Amino acid sequence: PHFDPQIPWSSAVIARAQELEQGNWGAGAAAQAVARTMTAVLVT
């Protein structure tokens, strides 16, 4: 939220951020390992 308005604090941005949280990066196999680590960060 501190980056609003450069990155609007909106429903669309939140939905996109949550996609990244879940590992939906479309960035190749390397993303899978990092996604699990990132998910753990977000959970904890």
All heavy atoms as atom14 arrays in JSON, in Angstrom:
{
  "sequence": "PHFDPQIPWSSAVIARAQELEQGNWGAGAAAQAVARTMTAVLVT",
  "atom14_mask": [
    [1, 1, 1, 1, 1, 1, 1, 0, 0, 0, 0, 0, 0, 0],
    [1, 1, 1, 1, 1, 1, 1, 1, 1, 1, 0, 0, 0, 0],
    [1, 1, 1, 1, 1, 1, 1, 1, 1, 1, 1, 0, 0, 0],
    [1, 1, 1, 1, 1, 1, 1, 1, 0, 0, 0, 0, 0, 0],
    [1, 1, 1, 1, 1, 1, 1, 0, 0, 0, 0, 0, 0, 0],
    [1, 1, 1, 1, 1, 1, 1, 1, 1, 0, 0, 0, 0, 0],
    [1, 1, 1, 1, 1, 1, 1, 1, 0, 0, 0, 0, 0, 0],
    [1, 1, 1, 1, 1, 1, 1, 0, 0, 0, 0, 0, 0, 0],
    [1, 1, 1, 1, 1, 1, 1, 1, 1, 1, 1, 1, 1, 1],
    [1, 1, 1, 1, 1, 1, 0, 0, 0, 0, 0, 0, 0, 0],
    [1, 1, 1, 1, 1, 1, 0, 0, 0, 0, 0, 0, 0, 0],
    [1, 1, 1, 1, 1, 0, 0, 0, 0, 0, 0, 0, 0, 0],
    [1, 1, 1, 1, 1, 1, 1, 0, 0, 0, 0, 0, 0, 0],
    [1, 1, 1, 1, 1, 1, 1, 1, 0, 0, 0, 0, 0, 0],
    [1, 1, 1, 1, 1, 0, 0, 0, 0, 0, 0, 0, 0, 0],
    [1, 1, 1, 1, 1, 1, 1, 1, 1, 1, 1, 0, 0, 0],
    [1, 1, 1, 1, 1, 0, 0, 0, 0, 0, 0, 0, 0, 0],
    [1, 1, 1, 1, 1, 1, 1, 1, 1, 0, 0, 0, 0, 0],
    [1, 1, 1, 1, 1, 1, 1, 1, 1, 0, 0, 0, 0, 0],
    [1, 1, 1, 1, 1, 1, 1, 1, 0, 0, 0, 0, 0, 0],
    [1, 1, 1, 1, 1, 1, 1, 1, 1, 0, 0, 0, 0, 0],
    [1, 1, 1, 1, 1, 1, 1, 1, 1, 0, 0, 0, 0, 0],
    [1, 1, 1, 1, 0, 0, 0, 0, 0, 0, 0, 0, 0, 0],
    [1, 1, 1, 1, 1, 1, 1, 1, 0, 0, 0, 0, 0, 0],
    [1, 1, 1, 1, 1, 1, 1, 1, 1, 1, 1, 1, 1, 1],
    [1, 1, 1, 1, 0, 0, 0, 0, 0, 0, 0, 0, 0, 0],
    [1, 1, 1, 1, 1, 0, 0, 0, 0, 0, 0, 0, 0, 0],
    [1, 1, 1, 1, 0, 0, 0, 0, 0, 0, 0, 0, 0, 0],
    [1, 1, 1, 1, 1, 0, 0, 0, 0, 0, 0, 0, 0, 0],
    [1, 1, 1, 1, 1, 0, 0, 0, 0, 0, 0, 0, 0, 0],
    [1, 1, 1, 1, 1, 0, 0, 0, 0, 0, 0, 0, 0, 0],
    [1, 1, 1, 1, 1, 1, 1, 1, 1, 0, 0, 0, 0, 0],
    [1, 1, 1, 1, 1, 0, 0, 0, 0, 0, 0, 0, 0, 0],
    [1, 1, 1, 1, 1, 1, 1, 0, 0, 0, 0, 0, 0, 0],
    [1, 1, 1, 1, 1, 0, 0, 0, 0, 0, 0, 0, 0, 0],
    [1, 1, 1, 1, 1, 1, 1, 1, 1, 1, 1, 0, 0, 0],
    [1, 1, 1, 1, 1, 1, 1, 0, 0, 0, 0, 0, 0, 0],
    [1, 1, 1, 1, 1, 1, 1, 1, 0, 0, 0, 0, 0, 0],
    [1, 1, 1, 1, 1, 1, 1, 0, 0, 0, 0, 0, 0, 0],
    [1, 1, 1, 1, 1, 0, 0, 0, 0, 0, 0, 0, 0, 0],
    [1, 1, 1, 1, 1, 1, 1, 0, 0, 0, 0, 0, 0, 0],
    [1, 1, 1, 1, 1, 1, 1, 1, 0, 0, 0, 0, 0, 0],
    [1, 1, 1, 1, 1, 1, 1, 0, 0, 0, 0, 0, 0, 0],
    [1, 1, 1, 1, 1, 1, 1, 0, 0, 0, 0, 0, 0, 0]
  ],
  "atom14_positions": [
    [[0.8, -1.23, 0.0], [0.0, 0.0, 0.0], [0.84, 1.28, 0.0], [0.35, 2.33, -0.43], [-0.82, -0.12, 1.29], [-0.92, -1.58, 1.54], [0.4, -2.14, 1.09], [0.0, 0.0, 0.0], [0.0, 0.0, 0.0], [0.0, 0.0, 0.0], [0.0, 0.0, 0.0], [0.0, 0.0, 0.0], [0.0, 0.0, 0.0], [0.0, 0.0, 0.0]],
    [[2.09, 1.21, 0.45], [2.94, 2.4, 0.48], [3.31, 2.88, -0.92], [3.8, 4.01, -1.07], [4.23, 2.11, 1.26], [4.04, 1.95, 2.73], [3.99, 3.02, 3.6], [3.87, 0.84, 3.49], [3.81, 2.58, 4.84], [3.73, 1.26, 4.8], [0.0, 0.0, 0.0], [0.0, 0.0, 0.0], [0.0, 0.0, 0.0], [0.0, 0.0, 0.0]],
    [[3.11, 2.03, -1.93], [3.53, 2.38, -3.28], [2.4, 2.97, -4.12], [2.59, 3.27, -5.29], [4.12, 1.14, -3.96], [5.4, 0.69, -3.32], [5.38, -0.14, -2.21], [6.62, 1.13, -3.8], [6.56, -0.53, -1.6], [7.81, 0.74, -3.2], [7.78, -0.09, -2.09], [0.0, 0.0, 0.0], [0.0, 0.0, 0.0], [0.0, 0.0, 0.0]],
    [[1.24, 3.15, -3.52], [0.14, 3.82, -4.17], [0.47, 5.33, -4.23], [0.91, 5.89, -3.23], [-1.14, 3.59, -3.35], [-2.4, 4.1, -4.03], [-2.55, 3.85, -5.23], [-3.2, 4.77, -3.36], [0.0, 0.0, 0.0], [0.0, 0.0, 0.0], [0.0, 0.0, 0.0], [0.0, 0.0, 0.0], [0.0, 0.0, 0.0], [0.0, 0.0, 0.0]],
    [[0.35, 6.02, -5.35], [-0.35, 5.63, -6.58], [0.52, 5.01, -7.67], [-0.01, 4.64, -8.72], [-0.92, 6.97, -7.06], [0.12, 7.96, -6.68], [0.68, 7.47, -5.35], [0.0, 0.0, 0.0], [0.0, 0.0, 0.0], [0.0, 0.0, 0.0], [0.0, 0.0, 0.0], [0.0, 0.0, 0.0], [0.0, 0.0, 0.0], [0.0, 0.0, 0.0]],
    [[1.87, 4.95, -7.48], [2.68, 4.36, -8.55], [2.22, 2.94, -8.86], [2.15, 2.53, -10.03], [4.16, 4.34, -8.15], [4.8, 5.72, -8.01], [4.93, 6.09, -6.55], [4.02, 5.83, -5.74], [6.07, 6.68, -6.18], [0.0, 0.0, 0.0], [0.0, 0.0, 0.0], [0.0, 0.0, 0.0], [0.0, 0.0, 0.0], [0.0, 0.0, 0.0]],
    [[1.95, 2.17, -7.81], [1.32, 0.86, -7.95], [-0.01, 0.97, -7.22], [-0.05, 0.91, -5.99], [2.19, -0.26, -7.35], [3.54, -0.32, -8.07], [1.47, -1.6, -7.45], [4.5, -1.36, -7.5], [0.0, 0.0, 0.0], [0.0, 0.0, 0.0], [0.0, 0.0, 0.0], [0.0, 0.0, 0.0], [0.0, 0.0, 0.0], [0.0, 0.0, 0.0]],
    [[-1.1, 1.16, -7.94], [-2.39, 1.41, -7.29], [-2.77, 0.29, -6.33], [-2.6, -0.89, -6.65], [-3.37, 1.49, -8.47], [-2.52, 1.84, -9.65], [-1.19, 1.18, -9.41], [0.0, 0.0, 0.0], [0.0, 0.0, 0.0], [0.0, 0.0, 0.0], [0.0, 0.0, 0.0], [0.0, 0.0, 0.0], [0.0, 0.0, 0.0], [0.0, 0.0, 0.0]],
    [[-3.28, 0.66, -5.17], [-3.74, -0.32, -4.19], [-5.17, -0.68, -4.55], [-6.12, -0.14, -4.03], [-3.61, 0.25, -2.79], [-3.96, -0.67, -1.66], [-4.85, -0.43, -0.65], [-3.43, -1.98, -1.41], [-4.91, -1.5, 0.21], [-4.04, -2.46, -0.22], [-2.5, -2.78, -2.07], [-3.75, -3.71, 0.3], [-2.21, -4.03, -1.54], [-2.84, -4.47, -0.36]],
    [[-5.32, -1.61, -5.49], [-6.63, -1.92, -6.05], [-6.87, -3.43, -6.04], [-5.95, -4.22, -5.81], [-6.7, -1.42, -7.5], [-5.77, -2.11, -8.32], [0.0, 0.0, 0.0], [0.0, 0.0, 0.0], [0.0, 0.0, 0.0], [0.0, 0.0, 0.0], [0.0, 0.0, 0.0], [0.0, 0.0, 0.0], [0.0, 0.0, 0.0], [0.0, 0.0, 0.0]],
    [[-8.1, -3.8, -6.31], [-8.46, -5.22, -6.35], [-7.66, -5.96, -7.42], [-7.23, -7.1, -7.21], [-9.96, -5.37, -6.63], [-10.73, -4.79, -5.6], [0.0, 0.0, 0.0], [0.0, 0.0, 0.0], [0.0, 0.0, 0.0], [0.0, 0.0, 0.0], [0.0, 0.0, 0.0], [0.0, 0.0, 0.0], [0.0, 0.0, 0.0], [0.0, 0.0, 0.0]],
    [[-7.46, -5.32, -8.57], [-6.73, -5.97, -9.66], [-5.28, -6.23, -9.27], [-4.72, -7.29, -9.56], [-6.81, -5.1, -10.92], [0.0, 0.0, 0.0], [0.0, 0.0, 0.0], [0.0, 0.0, 0.0], [0.0, 0.0, 0.0], [0.0, 0.0, 0.0], [0.0, 0.0, 0.0], [0.0, 0.0, 0.0], [0.0, 0.0, 0.0], [0.0, 0.0, 0.0]],
    [[-4.65, -5.27, -8.64], [-3.26, -5.43, -8.22], [-3.14, -6.5, -7.16], [-2.22, -7.34, -7.18], [-2.69, -4.08, -7.72], [-1.37, -4.3, -6.97], [-2.49, -3.13, -8.88], [0.0, 0.0, 0.0], [0.0, 0.0, 0.0], [0.0, 0.0, 0.0], [0.0, 0.0, 0.0], [0.0, 0.0, 0.0], [0.0, 0.0, 0.0], [0.0, 0.0, 0.0]],
    [[-4.07, -6.51, -6.21], [-4.05, -7.52, -5.15], [-4.22, -8.92, -5.74], [-3.52, -9.88, -5.37], [-5.13, -7.24, -4.1], [-4.75, -5.99, -3.3], [-5.32, -8.42, -3.16], [-5.82, -5.52, -2.34], [0.0, 0.0, 0.0], [0.0, 0.0, 0.0], [0.0, 0.0, 0.0], [0.0, 0.0, 0.0], [0.0, 0.0, 0.0], [0.0, 0.0, 0.0]],
    [[-5.14, -9.06, -6.7], [-5.36, -10.36, -7.34], [-4.1, -10.83, -8.07], [-3.73, -12.0, -8.0], [-6.53, -10.27, -8.31], [0.0, 0.0, 0.0], [0.0, 0.0, 0.0], [0.0, 0.0, 0.0], [0.0, 0.0, 0.0], [0.0, 0.0, 0.0], [0.0, 0.0, 0.0], [0.0, 0.0, 0.0], [0.0, 0.0, 0.0], [0.0, 0.0, 0.0]],
    [[-3.43, -9.89, -8.74], [-2.2, -10.25, -9.45], [-1.1, -10.64, -8.46], [-0.37, -11.62, -8.69], [-1.74, -9.05, -10.29], [-0.44, -9.27, -11.04], [-0.53, -10.41, -12.01], [0.62, -10.4, -12.93], [1.13, -11.47, -13.49], [0.59, -12.66, -13.24], [2.15, -11.38, -14.32], [0.0, 0.0, 0.0], [0.0, 0.0, 0.0], [0.0, 0.0, 0.0]],
    [[-0.99, -9.91, -7.36], [0.01, -10.23, -6.34], [-0.25, -11.61, -5.74], [0.69, -12.37, -5.47], [0.01, -9.17, -5.26], [0.0, 0.0, 0.0], [0.0, 0.0, 0.0], [0.0, 0.0, 0.0], [0.0, 0.0, 0.0], [0.0, 0.0, 0.0], [0.0, 0.0, 0.0], [0.0, 0.0, 0.0], [0.0, 0.0, 0.0], [0.0, 0.0, 0.0]],
    [[-1.51, -11.94, -5.56], [-1.84, -13.25, -5.01], [-1.52, -14.38, -5.99], [-1.17, -15.48, -5.58], [-3.32, -13.27, -4.61], [-3.61, -12.42, -3.38], [-5.08, -12.3, -3.06], [-5.94, -12.41, -3.95], [-5.4, -12.07, -1.8], [0.0, 0.0, 0.0], [0.0, 0.0, 0.0], [0.0, 0.0, 0.0], [0.0, 0.0, 0.0], [0.0, 0.0, 0.0]],
    [[-1.63, -14.1, -7.29], [-1.22, -15.08, -8.29], [0.28, -15.38, -8.15], [0.7, -16.54, -8.21], [-1.49, -14.55, -9.7], [-2.94, -14.56, -10.12], [-3.1, -14.06, -11.54], [-2.06, -13.81, -12.2], [-4.24, -13.92, -12.0], [0.0, 0.0, 0.0], [0.0, 0.0, 0.0], [0.0, 0.0, 0.0], [0.0, 0.0, 0.0], [0.0, 0.0, 0.0]],
    [[1.06, -14.33, -7.97], [2.5, -14.52, -7.81], [2.8, -15.27, -6.52], [3.7, -16.11, -6.47], [3.21, -13.16, -7.81], [3.07, -12.33, -9.08], [3.74, -10.99, -8.9], [3.65, -13.06, -10.28], [0.0, 0.0, 0.0], [0.0, 0.0, 0.0], [0.0, 0.0, 0.0], [0.0, 0.0, 0.0], [0.0, 0.0, 0.0], [0.0, 0.0, 0.0]],
    [[2.04, -14.97, -5.48], [2.19, -15.67, -4.2], [2.0, -17.17, -4.38], [2.69, -17.99, -3.75], [1.18, -15.13, -3.2], [1.11, -15.9, -1.89], [-0.1, -15.49, -1.06], [-0.72, -14.47, -1.37], [-0.42, -16.21, -0.1], [0.0, 0.0, 0.0], [0.0, 0.0, 0.0], [0.0, 0.0, 0.0], [0.0, 0.0, 0.0], [0.0, 0.0, 0.0]],
    [[1.08, -17.54, -5.26], [0.76, -18.96, -5.48], [1.69, -19.62, -6.49], [1.56, -20.8, -6.78], [-0.69, -19.07, -5.95], [-1.69, -18.63, -4.9], [-3.07, -18.33, -5.48], [-3.32, -18.6, -6.66], [-3.96, -17.77, -4.67], [0.0, 0.0, 0.0], [0.0, 0.0, 0.0], [0.0, 0.0, 0.0], [0.0, 0.0, 0.0], [0.0, 0.0, 0.0]],
    [[2.67, -18.85, -7.01], [3.64, -19.42, -7.93], [3.24, -19.39, -9.38], [3.88, -20.04, -10.21], [0.0, 0.0, 0.0], [0.0, 0.0, 0.0], [0.0, 0.0, 0.0], [0.0, 0.0, 0.0], [0.0, 0.0, 0.0], [0.0, 0.0, 0.0], [0.0, 0.0, 0.0], [0.0, 0.0, 0.0], [0.0, 0.0, 0.0], [0.0, 0.0, 0.0]],
    [[2.19, -18.63, -9.74], [1.77, -18.53, -11.13], [2.59, -17.45, -11.84], [2.1, -16.35, -12.1], [0.27, -18.2, -11.21], [-0.57, -19.28, -10.58], [-0.24, -20.46, -10.65], [-1.68, -18.9, -9.97], [0.0, 0.0, 0.0], [0.0, 0.0, 0.0], [0.0, 0.0, 0.0], [0.0, 0.0, 0.0], [0.0, 0.0, 0.0], [0.0, 0.0, 0.0]],
    [[3.83, -17.78, -12.14], [4.77, -16.79, -12.68], [4.97, -16.91, -14.18], [5.36, -15.95, -14.82], [6.13, -16.94, -11.99], [6.11, -16.68, -10.53], [5.04, -16.23, -9.78], [7.19, -16.84, -9.61], [5.41, -16.12, -8.47], [6.71, -16.48, -8.34], [8.5, -17.26, -9.76], [7.53, -16.53, -7.21], [9.32, -17.3, -8.64], [8.83, -16.93, -7.38]],
    [[4.78, -18.11, -14.72], [5.06, -18.3, -16.13], [6.52, -18.05, -16.45], [6.84, -17.55, -17.52], [0.0, 0.0, 0.0], [0.0, 0.0, 0.0], [0.0, 0.0, 0.0], [0.0, 0.0, 0.0], [0.0, 0.0, 0.0], [0.0, 0.0, 0.0], [0.0, 0.0, 0.0], [0.0, 0.0, 0.0], [0.0, 0.0, 0.0], [0.0, 0.0, 0.0]],
    [[7.4, -18.35, -15.52], [8.81, -18.0, -15.69], [9.72, -19.23, -15.76], [10.9, -19.14, -15.47], [9.25, -17.09, -14.55], [0.0, 0.0, 0.0], [0.0, 0.0, 0.0], [0.0, 0.0, 0.0], [0.0, 0.0, 0.0], [0.0, 0.0, 0.0], [0.0, 0.0, 0.0], [0.0, 0.0, 0.0], [0.0, 0.0, 0.0], [0.0, 0.0, 0.0]],
    [[9.18, -20.38, -16.13], [10.04, -21.55, -16.31], [10.16, -22.41, -15.06], [9.58, -22.12, -14.01], [0.0, 0.0, 0.0], [0.0, 0.0, 0.0], [0.0, 0.0, 0.0], [0.0, 0.0, 0.0], [0.0, 0.0, 0.0], [0.0, 0.0, 0.0], [0.0, 0.0, 0.0], [0.0, 0.0, 0.0], [0.0, 0.0, 0.0], [0.0, 0.0, 0.0]],
    [[10.92, -23.47, -15.16], [11.02, -24.45, -14.08], [11.62, -23.88, -12.81], [11.28, -24.3, -11.71], [11.86, -25.64, -14.55], [0.0, 0.0, 0.0], [0.0, 0.0, 0.0], [0.0, 0.0, 0.0], [0.0, 0.0, 0.0], [0.0, 0.0, 0.0], [0.0, 0.0, 0.0], [0.0, 0.0, 0.0], [0.0, 0.0, 0.0], [0.0, 0.0, 0.0]],
    [[12.53, -22.91, -12.95], [13.17, -22.34, -11.76], [12.14, -21.7, -10.84], [12.33, -21.65, -9.63], [14.22, -21.31, -12.16], [0.0, 0.0, 0.0], [0.0, 0.0, 0.0], [0.0, 0.0, 0.0], [0.0, 0.0, 0.0], [0.0, 0.0, 0.0], [0.0, 0.0, 0.0], [0.0, 0.0, 0.0], [0.0, 0.0, 0.0], [0.0, 0.0, 0.0]],
    [[11.05, -21.23, -11.42], [10.04, -20.56, -10.61], [9.41, -21.5, -9.6], [8.97, -21.08, -8.54], [8.95, -19.97, -11.51], [0.0, 0.0, 0.0], [0.0, 0.0, 0.0], [0.0, 0.0, 0.0], [0.0, 0.0, 0.0], [0.0, 0.0, 0.0], [0.0, 0.0, 0.0], [0.0, 0.0, 0.0], [0.0, 0.0, 0.0], [0.0, 0.0, 0.0]],
    [[9.36, -22.79, -9.91], [8.67, -23.72, -9.03], [9.35, -23.8, -7.67], [8.68, -23.76, -6.63], [8.61, -25.1, -9.68], [7.82, -25.11, -10.98], [7.85, -26.47, -11.66], [8.36, -27.44, -11.11], [7.31, -26.54, -12.86], [0.0, 0.0, 0.0], [0.0, 0.0, 0.0], [0.0, 0.0, 0.0], [0.0, 0.0, 0.0], [0.0, 0.0, 0.0]],
    [[10.67, -23.92, -7.65], [11.39, -24.02, -6.39], [11.26, -22.73, -5.59], [11.04, -22.74, -4.38], [12.86, -24.33, -6.65], [0.0, 0.0, 0.0], [0.0, 0.0, 0.0], [0.0, 0.0, 0.0], [0.0, 0.0, 0.0], [0.0, 0.0, 0.0], [0.0, 0.0, 0.0], [0.0, 0.0, 0.0], [0.0, 0.0, 0.0], [0.0, 0.0, 0.0]],
    [[11.39, -21.6, -6.28], [11.29, -20.32, -5.59], [9.87, -20.11, -5.08], [9.65, -19.56, -4.01], [11.71, -19.16, -6.51], [11.76, -17.86, -5.74], [13.06, -19.44, -7.12], [0.0, 0.0, 0.0], [0.0, 0.0, 0.0], [0.0, 0.0, 0.0], [0.0, 0.0, 0.0], [0.0, 0.0, 0.0], [0.0, 0.0, 0.0], [0.0, 0.0, 0.0]],
    [[8.89, -20.54, -5.86], [7.49, -20.34, -5.47], [7.19, -21.0, -4.14], [6.49, -20.44, -3.29], [6.56, -20.88, -6.55], [0.0, 0.0, 0.0], [0.0, 0.0, 0.0], [0.0, 0.0, 0.0], [0.0, 0.0, 0.0], [0.0, 0.0, 0.0], [0.0, 0.0, 0.0], [0.0, 0.0, 0.0], [0.0, 0.0, 0.0], [0.0, 0.0, 0.0]],
    [[7.72, -22.2, -3.93], [7.48, -22.88, -2.66], [8.1, -22.09, -1.5], [7.5, -21.96, -0.43], [8.05, -24.3, -2.71], [7.28, -25.22, -3.63], [7.66, -26.67, -3.41], [9.04, -26.94, -3.81], [9.39, -27.34, -5.02], [8.49, -27.5, -5.97], [10.66, -27.58, -5.3], [0.0, 0.0, 0.0], [0.0, 0.0, 0.0], [0.0, 0.0, 0.0]],
    [[9.3, -21.57, -1.73], [9.95, -20.76, -0.71], [9.15, -19.49, -0.44], [8.94, -19.1, 0.71], [11.39, -20.39, -1.13], [12.11, -21.59, -1.43], [12.11, -19.65, -0.03], [0.0, 0.0, 0.0], [0.0, 0.0, 0.0], [0.0, 0.0, 0.0], [0.0, 0.0, 0.0], [0.0, 0.0, 0.0], [0.0, 0.0, 0.0], [0.0, 0.0, 0.0]],
    [[8.7, -18.85, -1.5], [7.96, -17.6, -1.36], [6.64, -17.83, -0.63], [6.23, -17.03, 0.2], [7.69, -16.98, -2.72], [8.93, -16.56, -3.49], [10.13, -15.68, -2.46], [9.08, -14.43, -1.78], [0.0, 0.0, 0.0], [0.0, 0.0, 0.0], [0.0, 0.0, 0.0], [0.0, 0.0, 0.0], [0.0, 0.0, 0.0], [0.0, 0.0, 0.0]],
    [[5.96, -18.93, -0.96], [4.71, -19.24, -0.29], [4.92, -19.39, 1.21], [4.14, -18.91, 2.03], [4.09, -20.52, -0.86], [3.85, -20.34, -2.25], [2.79, -20.86, -0.16], [0.0, 0.0, 0.0], [0.0, 0.0, 0.0], [0.0, 0.0, 0.0], [0.0, 0.0, 0.0], [0.0, 0.0, 0.0], [0.0, 0.0, 0.0], [0.0, 0.0, 0.0]],
    [[6.03, -20.05, 1.57], [6.35, -20.23, 2.98], [6.58, -18.88, 3.65], [6.15, -18.65, 4.79], [7.58, -21.11, 3.14], [0.0, 0.0, 0.0], [0.0, 0.0, 0.0], [0.0, 0.0, 0.0], [0.0, 0.0, 0.0], [0.0, 0.0, 0.0], [0.0, 0.0, 0.0], [0.0, 0.0, 0.0], [0.0, 0.0, 0.0], [0.0, 0.0, 0.0]],
    [[7.24, -17.97, 2.95], [7.47, -16.64, 3.5], [6.14, -15.95, 3.79], [5.92, -15.38, 4.85], [8.31, -15.79, 2.52], [8.39, -14.35, 3.01], [9.7, -16.36, 2.38], [0.0, 0.0, 0.0], [0.0, 0.0, 0.0], [0.0, 0.0, 0.0], [0.0, 0.0, 0.0], [0.0, 0.0, 0.0], [0.0, 0.0, 0.0], [0.0, 0.0, 0.0]],
    [[5.26, -16.01, 2.82], [3.98, -15.32, 2.97], [3.14, -15.92, 4.09], [2.47, -15.21, 4.84], [3.21, -15.38, 1.65], [3.88, -14.63, 0.49], [3.19, -14.96, -0.82], [3.84, -13.14, 0.73], [0.0, 0.0, 0.0], [0.0, 0.0, 0.0], [0.0, 0.0, 0.0], [0.0, 0.0, 0.0], [0.0, 0.0, 0.0], [0.0, 0.0, 0.0]],
    [[3.18, -17.24, 4.23], [2.41, -17.9, 5.27], [2.92, -17.54, 6.65], [2.16, -17.34, 7.6], [2.43, -19.44, 5.07], [1.89, -20.15, 6.29], [1.62, -19.81, 3.83], [0.0, 0.0, 0.0], [0.0, 0.0, 0.0], [0.0, 0.0, 0.0], [0.0, 0.0, 0.0], [0.0, 0.0, 0.0], [0.0, 0.0, 0.0], [0.0, 0.0, 0.0]],
    [[4.25, -17.45, 6.8], [4.82, -17.23, 8.12], [5.0, -15.76, 8.46], [5.34, -15.43, 9.59], [6.21, -17.91, 8.23], [7.07, -17.39, 7.2], [6.08, -19.41, 8.07], [0.0, 0.0, 0.0], [0.0, 0.0, 0.0], [0.0, 0.0, 0.0], [0.0, 0.0, 0.0], [0.0, 0.0, 0.0], [0.0, 0.0, 0.0], [0.0, 0.0, 0.0]]
  ]
}
